[in-house]
Amino acid sequence: MSKVETKVEELIEPIVKSLGYKLYDVIYEKEAKDYYLRIFIDNEKGISLEDCEKVNNAITELLDEKDYIKDQYFLEVSSPGIERVLRKDWQIQENIGKEVEVKLFKPFNGQKTVTGLLKGFNEENINIDDVELPRKDISLIKIKYNW
């Protein structure tokens, strides 16, 4: 996580929690010429547009007041979705036993994408179907939903 993401997460997590949601992730990134602050929220019932609006309204003024981000940016509040990205250890832990798709920076056994059952992880590796993939070689891990 970037410094901005960490500061924003620490700032808004108590507010998100007080509204009855779990702060799933905070991502600050540049796309083309625009910057985006993406806030992902979750709860057991799922996330509606009204939930996103409620969180957006609760955090906007505080984000403006703290002014952690000097560039102009777009604030987006949404659900992490059914094929959610797993960036943090607690997210990986919560999804052990589920099917995941792992994208790699360089090929493993001739493939840059590995799909399988998430069996476990440690500081250096992610275990997919009893195959150890080095975390440093992973660009993305997400839940694989069979539509």
C-alpha atoms as a PDB file:
ATOM      1  CA  MET A   1       0.000   0.000   0.000  1.00  0.00           C
ATOM      2  CA  SER A   2       1.148   3.508  -0.729  1.00  0.00           C
ATOM      3  CA  LYS A   3       1.536   6.091   2.020  1.00  0.00           C
ATOM      4  CA  VAL A   4      -1.609   7.897   0.829  1.00  0.00           C
ATOM      5  CA  GLU A   5      -3.626   4.667   0.861  1.00  0.00           C
ATOM      6  CA  THR A   6      -2.464   3.855   4.399  1.00  0.00           C
ATOM      7  CA  LYS A   7      -3.282   7.336   5.721  1.00  0.00           C
ATOM      8  CA  VAL A   8      -6.715   7.363   4.059  1.00  0.00           C
ATOM      9  CA  GLU A   9      -7.490   3.869   5.350  1.00  0.00           C
ATOM     10  CA  GLU A  10      -6.593   4.847   8.929  1.00  0.00           C
ATOM     11  CA  LEU A  11      -8.676   8.017   8.626  1.00  0.00           C
ATOM     12  CA  ILE A  12     -11.886   6.554   7.206  1.00  0.00           C
ATOM     13  CA  GLU A  13     -11.984   3.036   8.677  1.00  0.00           C
ATOM     14  CA  PRO A  14     -13.692   4.106  11.938  1.00  0.00           C
ATOM     15  CA  ILE A  15     -16.345   6.011   9.965  1.00  0.00           C
ATOM     16  CA  VAL A  16     -16.989   3.133   7.567  1.00  0.00           C
ATOM     17  CA  LYS A  17     -17.229   0.742  10.521  1.00  0.00           C
ATOM     18  CA  SER A  18     -19.628   3.043  12.406  1.00  0.00           C
ATOM     19  CA  LEU A  19     -21.951   2.971   9.374  1.00  0.00           C
ATOM     20  CA  GLY A  20     -22.077  -0.839   9.514  1.00  0.00           C
ATOM     21  CA  TYR A  21     -19.607  -1.678   6.752  1.00  0.00           C
ATOM     22  CA  LYS A  22     -16.196  -3.271   6.491  1.00  0.00           C
ATOM     23  CA  LEU A  23     -13.466  -1.269   4.778  1.00  0.00           C
ATOM     24  CA  TYR A  24     -12.208  -3.822   2.263  1.00  0.00           C
ATOM     25  CA  ASP A  25      -9.554  -1.769   0.490  1.00  0.00           C
ATOM     26  CA  VAL A  26      -8.302   1.682  -0.466  1.00  0.00           C
ATOM     27  CA  ILE A  27      -6.568   2.209  -3.800  1.00  0.00           C
ATOM     28  CA  TYR A  28      -5.095   5.474  -5.033  1.00  0.00           C
ATOM     29  CA  GLU A  29      -4.003   5.334  -8.657  1.00  0.00           C
ATOM     30  CA  LYS A  30      -3.513   7.322 -11.810  1.00  0.00           C
ATOM     31  CA  GLU A  31      -5.308   6.346 -15.001  1.00  0.00           C
ATOM     32  CA  ALA A  32      -4.323   8.326 -18.069  1.00  0.00           C
ATOM     33  CA  LYS A  33      -4.284  11.929 -16.842  1.00  0.00           C
ATOM     34  CA  ASP A  34      -6.699  11.442 -13.921  1.00  0.00           C
ATOM     35  CA  TYR A  35      -6.181  10.316 -10.327  1.00  0.00           C
ATOM     36  CA  TYR A  36      -8.696   8.082  -8.530  1.00  0.00           C
ATOM     37  CA  LEU A  37      -9.200   7.311  -4.868  1.00  0.00           C
ATOM     38  CA  ARG A  38     -11.154   4.071  -4.795  1.00  0.00           C
ATOM     39  CA  ILE A  39     -12.768   2.973  -1.545  1.00  0.00           C
ATOM     40  CA  PHE A  40     -14.108  -0.583  -1.421  1.00  0.00           C
ATOM     41  CA  ILE A  41     -16.670  -1.439   1.248  1.00  0.00           C
ATOM     42  CA  ASP A  42     -18.366  -4.703   2.117  1.00  0.00           C
ATOM     43  CA  ASN A  43     -20.833  -6.326   4.467  1.00  0.00           C
ATOM     44  CA  GLU A  44     -22.644  -9.657   4.762  1.00  0.00           C
ATOM     45  CA  LYS A  45     -25.761  -8.408   2.945  1.00  0.00           C
ATOM     46  CA  GLY A  46     -23.872  -7.045  -0.050  1.00  0.00           C
ATOM     47  CA  ILE A  47     -23.439  -3.452  -1.128  1.00  0.00           C
ATOM     48  CA  SER A  48     -26.041  -1.280  -2.834  1.00  0.00           C
ATOM     49  CA  LEU A  49     -25.724   2.070  -4.553  1.00  0.00           C
ATOM     50  CA  GLU A  50     -27.299   3.673  -1.469  1.00  0.00           C
ATOM     51  CA  ASP A  51     -24.593   2.114   0.731  1.00  0.00           C
ATOM     52  CA  CYS A  52     -21.895   3.621  -1.495  1.00  0.00           C
ATOM     53  CA  GLU A  53     -23.596   6.990  -1.402  1.00  0.00           C
ATOM     54  CA  LYS A  54     -23.884   6.891   2.395  1.00  0.00           C
ATOM     55  CA  VAL A  55     -20.152   6.174   2.815  1.00  0.00           C
ATOM     56  CA  ASN A  56     -19.211   8.741   0.162  1.00  0.00           C
ATOM     57  CA  ASN A  57     -21.197  11.443   1.942  1.00  0.00           C
ATOM     58  CA  ALA A  58     -19.697  10.508   5.315  1.00  0.00           C
ATOM     59  CA  ILE A  59     -16.047  10.656   4.222  1.00  0.00           C
ATOM     60  CA  THR A  60     -15.877  13.396   1.560  1.00  0.00           C
ATOM     61  CA  GLU A  61     -15.663  16.377   3.899  1.00  0.00           C
ATOM     62  CA  LEU A  62     -13.097  14.675   6.148  1.00  0.00           C
ATOM     63  CA  LEU A  63     -10.903  13.770   3.159  1.00  0.00           C
ATOM     64  CA  ASP A  64     -11.074  17.373   1.953  1.00  0.00           C
ATOM     65  CA  GLU A  65     -10.269  18.673   5.429  1.00  0.00           C
ATOM     66  CA  LYS A  66      -7.231  16.417   5.938  1.00  0.00           C
ATOM     67  CA  ASP A  67      -6.021  17.106   2.370  1.00  0.00           C
ATOM     68  CA  TYR A  68      -3.733  14.048   2.163  1.00  0.00           C
ATOM     69  CA  ILE A  69      -3.958  14.125  -1.627  1.00  0.00           C
ATOM     70  CA  LYS A  70      -2.596  17.280  -3.242  1.00  0.00           C
ATOM     71  CA  ASP A  71      -3.668  16.365  -6.786  1.00  0.00           C
ATOM     72  CA  GLN A  72      -7.233  16.707  -7.985  1.00  0.00           C
ATOM     73  CA  TYR A  73      -8.852  13.246  -7.865  1.00  0.00           C
ATOM     74  CA  PHE A  74     -12.109  11.411  -8.350  1.00  0.00           C
ATOM     75  CA  LEU A  75     -13.541   9.611  -5.310  1.00  0.00           C
ATOM     76  CA  GLU A  76     -15.221   6.290  -6.035  1.00  0.00           C
ATOM     77  CA  VAL A  77     -16.928   4.151  -3.386  1.00  0.00           C
ATOM     78  CA  SER A  78     -17.978   0.662  -4.422  1.00  0.00           C
ATOM     79  CA  SER A  79     -18.188  -3.013  -3.564  1.00  0.00           C
ATOM     80  CA  PRO A  80     -15.089  -5.137  -4.126  1.00  0.00           C
ATOM     81  CA  GLY A  81     -17.294  -7.340  -6.314  1.00  0.00           C
ATOM     82  CA  ILE A  82     -17.696 -11.087  -6.565  1.00  0.00           C
ATOM     83  CA  GLU A  83     -14.309 -11.530  -8.267  1.00  0.00           C
ATOM     84  CA  ARG A  84     -12.591  -9.392  -5.680  1.00  0.00           C
ATOM     85  CA  VAL A  85      -8.881  -8.709  -5.695  1.00  0.00           C
ATOM     86  CA  LEU A  86      -6.880 -10.078  -2.749  1.00  0.00           C
ATOM     87  CA  ARG A  87      -4.131  -7.585  -1.858  1.00  0.00           C
ATOM     88  CA  LYS A  88      -3.799  -8.027   1.897  1.00  0.00           C
ATOM     89  CA  ASP A  89      -2.943 -11.034   4.025  1.00  0.00           C
ATOM     90  CA  TRP A  90      -6.290 -10.947   5.866  1.00  0.00           C
ATOM     91  CA  GLN A  91      -8.103 -11.042   2.494  1.00  0.00           C
ATOM     92  CA  ILE A  92      -6.059 -14.043   1.399  1.00  0.00           C
ATOM     93  CA  GLN A  93      -6.672 -15.761   4.756  1.00  0.00           C
ATOM     94  CA  GLU A  94     -10.450 -15.244   4.473  1.00  0.00           C
ATOM     95  CA  ASN A  95     -10.471 -16.912   1.060  1.00  0.00           C
ATOM     96  CA  ILE A  96      -8.437 -20.062   1.696  1.00  0.00           C
ATOM     97  CA  GLY A  97     -10.312 -22.944   0.108  1.00  0.00           C
ATOM     98  CA  LYS A  98     -11.753 -20.848  -2.702  1.00  0.00           C
ATOM     99  CA  GLU A  99     -10.817 -20.888  -6.362  1.00  0.00           C
ATOM    100  CA  VAL A 100      -8.539 -18.019  -7.357  1.00  0.00           C
ATOM    101  CA  GLU A 101      -6.901 -16.684 -10.477  1.00  0.00           C
ATOM    102  CA  VAL A 102      -3.288 -15.589 -10.116  1.00  0.00           C
ATOM    103  CA  LYS A 103      -1.595 -13.384 -12.702  1.00  0.00           C
ATOM    104  CA  LEU A 104       2.194 -13.496 -12.785  1.00  0.00           C
ATOM    105  CA  PHE A 105       4.856 -11.051 -13.917  1.00  0.00           C
ATOM    106  CA  LYS A 106       6.756 -13.896 -15.571  1.00  0.00           C
ATOM    107  CA  PRO A 107       5.620 -17.341 -16.771  1.00  0.00           C
ATOM    108  CA  PHE A 108       5.445 -20.309 -14.401  1.00  0.00           C
ATOM    109  CA  ASN A 109       5.471 -23.645 -16.252  1.00  0.00           C
ATOM    110  CA  GLY A 110       4.904 -21.646 -19.441  1.00  0.00           C
ATOM    111  CA  GLN A 111       1.839 -19.769 -18.136  1.00  0.00           C
ATOM    112  CA  LYS A 112       1.375 -16.233 -16.829  1.00  0.00           C
ATOM    113  CA  THR A 113      -2.035 -17.069 -15.316  1.00  0.00           C
ATOM    114  CA  VAL A 114      -2.612 -19.846 -12.815  1.00  0.00           C
ATOM    115  CA  THR A 115      -6.087 -20.857 -11.636  1.00  0.00           C
ATOM    116  CA  GLY A 116      -6.719 -23.202  -8.755  1.00  0.00           C
ATOM    117  CA  LEU A 117      -7.676 -23.698  -5.136  1.00  0.00           C
ATOM    118  CA  LEU A 118      -6.059 -21.312  -2.670  1.00  0.00           C
ATOM    119  CA  LYS A 119      -4.512 -23.661  -0.101  1.00  0.00           C
ATOM    120  CA  GLY A 120      -2.423 -21.298   2.010  1.00  0.00           C
ATOM    121  CA  PHE A 121       0.287 -18.674   2.080  1.00  0.00           C
ATOM    122  CA  ASN A 122       3.239 -17.322   3.969  1.00  0.00           C
ATOM    123  CA  GLU A 123       5.447 -14.262   3.671  1.00  0.00           C
ATOM    124  CA  GLU A 124       7.197 -15.553   0.543  1.00  0.00           C
ATOM    125  CA  ASN A 125       4.725 -17.853  -1.241  1.00  0.00           C
ATOM    126  CA  ILE A 126       1.102 -18.441  -2.158  1.00  0.00           C
ATOM    127  CA  ASN A 127       0.013 -22.088  -2.378  1.00  0.00           C
ATOM    128  CA  ILE A 128      -2.361 -22.833  -5.273  1.00  0.00           C
ATOM    129  CA  ASP A 129      -3.297 -26.516  -5.717  1.00  0.00           C
ATOM    130  CA  ASP A 130      -0.145 -27.492  -3.771  1.00  0.00           C
ATOM    131  CA  VAL A 131       2.070 -25.395  -6.069  1.00  0.00           C
ATOM    132  CA  GLU A 132       4.158 -22.713  -4.366  1.00  0.00           C
ATOM    133  CA  LEU A 133       4.131 -19.432  -6.297  1.00  0.00           C
ATOM    134  CA  PRO A 134       6.581 -16.767  -5.106  1.00  0.00           C
ATOM    135  CA  ARG A 135       4.666 -13.671  -3.980  1.00  0.00           C
ATOM    136  CA  LYS A 136       7.251 -11.418  -5.628  1.00  0.00           C
ATOM    137  CA  ASP A 137       6.247 -12.902  -9.009  1.00  0.00           C
ATOM    138  CA  ILE A 138       2.504 -12.261  -8.505  1.00  0.00           C
ATOM    139  CA  SER A 139       0.943  -9.187 -10.075  1.00  0.00           C
ATOM    140  CA  LEU A 140      -2.671  -9.968  -9.074  1.00  0.00           C
ATOM    141  CA  ILE A 141      -4.724 -12.494  -7.127  1.00  0.00           C
ATOM    142  CA  LYS A 142      -8.498 -12.477  -7.408  1.00  0.00           C
ATOM    143  CA  ILE A 143     -11.415 -14.735  -6.611  1.00  0.00           C
ATOM    144  CA  LYS A 144     -12.410 -16.816  -9.617  1.00  0.00           C
ATOM    145  CA  TYR A 145     -16.168 -17.039  -9.947  1.00  0.00           C
ATOM    146  CA  ASN A 146     -17.524 -19.684 -12.313  1.00  0.00           C
ATOM    147  CA  TRP A 147     -20.303 -17.899 -14.143  1.00  0.00           C
END
